[in-house]
Amino acid sequence: MTDAIKKCSANETAACCCMDVGTVMDNSDCTANWSEVYPDRAAAEAALAQLTGNARAVESDPCRIESVISDAADGVRLQVNFTFSCQAESMIFQLGLR
């Protein structure tokens, strides 16, 4: 049993097959990405405003938001990167989008 745990790259506990939170959340991925096609620019801008509001509700320090609205074959594409100060905020933001 212990040999199988040693081969795993995650820090597991033999008693409960749990992983240390630091294994999953190590603050290496603080950016959430969004890409969607909307029927027109107004719809894309409205979506950006809604997403920005969601990010602002989660942030502890200001979230860096970088967005691009461009023409697509079937409408207007909104691409946004939200960079939070920690990975937990990024995860909370992404879970809120579901």
Protein backbone atom coordinates (compact mmCIF):
# COMPACT_ATOMS: atom_id res chain seq x y z
CA MET A 1 0.00 0.00 0.00
CA THR A 2 2.74 2.47 0.88
CA ASP A 3 4.59 1.78 -2.40
CA ALA A 4 1.57 3.01 -4.39
CA ILE A 5 1.47 6.23 -2.39
CA LYS A 6 5.18 6.85 -2.92
CA LYS A 7 4.71 6.65 -6.71
CA CYS A 8 2.01 9.34 -6.66
CA SER A 9 3.22 12.91 -7.14
CA ALA A 10 0.57 14.25 -4.75
CA ASN A 11 1.12 14.31 -1.01
CA GLU A 12 -1.37 11.67 0.15
CA THR A 13 -2.19 10.36 3.59
CA ALA A 14 -2.32 6.58 3.73
CA ALA A 15 -5.18 6.54 6.24
CA CYS A 16 -7.78 8.40 4.19
CA CYS A 17 -6.37 8.77 0.63
CA CYS A 18 -6.59 12.55 1.01
CA MET A 19 -4.35 15.12 -0.61
CA ASP A 20 -2.80 18.10 1.06
CA VAL A 21 -4.53 21.34 -0.02
CA GLY A 22 -1.14 22.73 -1.04
CA THR A 23 -0.92 19.98 -3.65
CA VAL A 24 -4.04 21.26 -5.40
CA MET A 25 -3.73 24.99 -4.68
CA ASP A 26 -0.15 26.18 -4.82
CA ASN A 27 -0.88 29.73 -6.13
CA SER A 28 0.70 28.88 -9.48
CA ASP A 29 -2.52 29.46 -11.47
CA CYS A 30 -4.19 32.73 -10.51
CA THR A 31 -5.63 33.48 -13.96
CA ALA A 32 -9.10 32.59 -15.21
CA ASN A 33 -9.80 32.82 -18.94
CA TRP A 34 -13.12 33.47 -20.68
CA SER A 35 -13.84 33.25 -24.40
CA GLU A 36 -17.30 33.38 -25.94
CA VAL A 37 -18.96 34.52 -29.16
CA TYR A 38 -21.90 36.93 -28.84
CA PRO A 39 -24.35 38.10 -31.50
CA ASP A 40 -23.13 41.71 -31.40
CA ARG A 41 -20.75 44.13 -29.67
CA ALA A 42 -23.41 45.35 -27.21
CA ALA A 43 -23.98 41.80 -25.96
CA ALA A 44 -20.22 41.24 -25.60
CA GLU A 45 -19.82 44.50 -23.65
CA ALA A 46 -22.75 43.58 -21.39
CA ALA A 47 -21.16 40.19 -20.71
CA LEU A 48 -17.83 41.88 -19.96
CA ALA A 49 -19.54 44.20 -17.47
CA GLN A 50 -21.22 41.23 -15.76
CA LEU A 51 -17.99 39.22 -15.61
CA THR A 52 -16.09 42.23 -14.28
CA GLY A 53 -18.67 42.66 -11.54
CA ASN A 54 -18.33 38.99 -10.61
CA ALA A 55 -14.54 39.34 -10.43
CA ARG A 56 -14.74 42.48 -8.31
CA ALA A 57 -17.04 40.68 -5.87
CA VAL A 58 -14.40 37.97 -5.32
CA GLU A 59 -11.15 39.95 -5.30
CA SER A 60 -9.27 40.87 -2.14
CA ASP A 61 -6.68 42.90 -4.06
CA PRO A 62 -7.52 44.43 -7.43
CA CYS A 63 -7.94 41.80 -10.13
CA ARG A 64 -6.13 42.59 -13.39
CA ILE A 65 -8.65 42.30 -16.22
CA GLU A 66 -7.45 42.22 -19.83
CA SER A 67 -10.14 41.98 -22.51
CA VAL A 68 -10.32 41.91 -26.30
CA ILE A 69 -13.50 42.18 -28.35
CA SER A 70 -13.01 41.15 -31.98
CA ASP A 71 -15.07 40.20 -35.00
CA ALA A 72 -15.80 36.51 -35.48
CA ALA A 73 -17.43 34.65 -38.35
CA ASP A 74 -20.67 34.23 -36.42
CA GLY A 75 -20.69 37.40 -34.28
CA VAL A 76 -18.32 39.12 -31.88
CA ARG A 77 -15.77 37.24 -29.73
CA LEU A 78 -15.06 38.35 -26.18
CA GLN A 79 -11.79 37.10 -24.72
CA VAL A 80 -10.93 38.03 -21.14
CA ASN A 81 -8.13 37.12 -18.73
CA PHE A 82 -8.80 37.70 -15.04
CA THR A 83 -5.63 37.59 -12.93
CA PHE A 84 -6.37 37.41 -9.22
CA SER A 85 -3.97 37.86 -6.32
CA CYS A 86 -4.36 34.20 -5.30
CA GLN A 87 -5.51 30.92 -6.78
CA ALA A 88 -8.41 30.55 -4.33
CA GLU A 89 -10.03 33.72 -5.70
CA SER A 90 -9.59 32.46 -9.25
CA MET A 91 -11.25 29.17 -8.34
CA ILE A 92 -14.14 30.90 -6.53
CA PHE A 93 -14.68 33.15 -9.55
CA GLN A 94 -14.70 30.19 -11.93
CA LEU A 95 -17.07 28.17 -9.75
CA GLY A 96 -19.42 31.17 -9.68
CA LEU A 97 -19.63 31.07 -13.47
CA ARG A 98 -21.09 27.56 -13.50
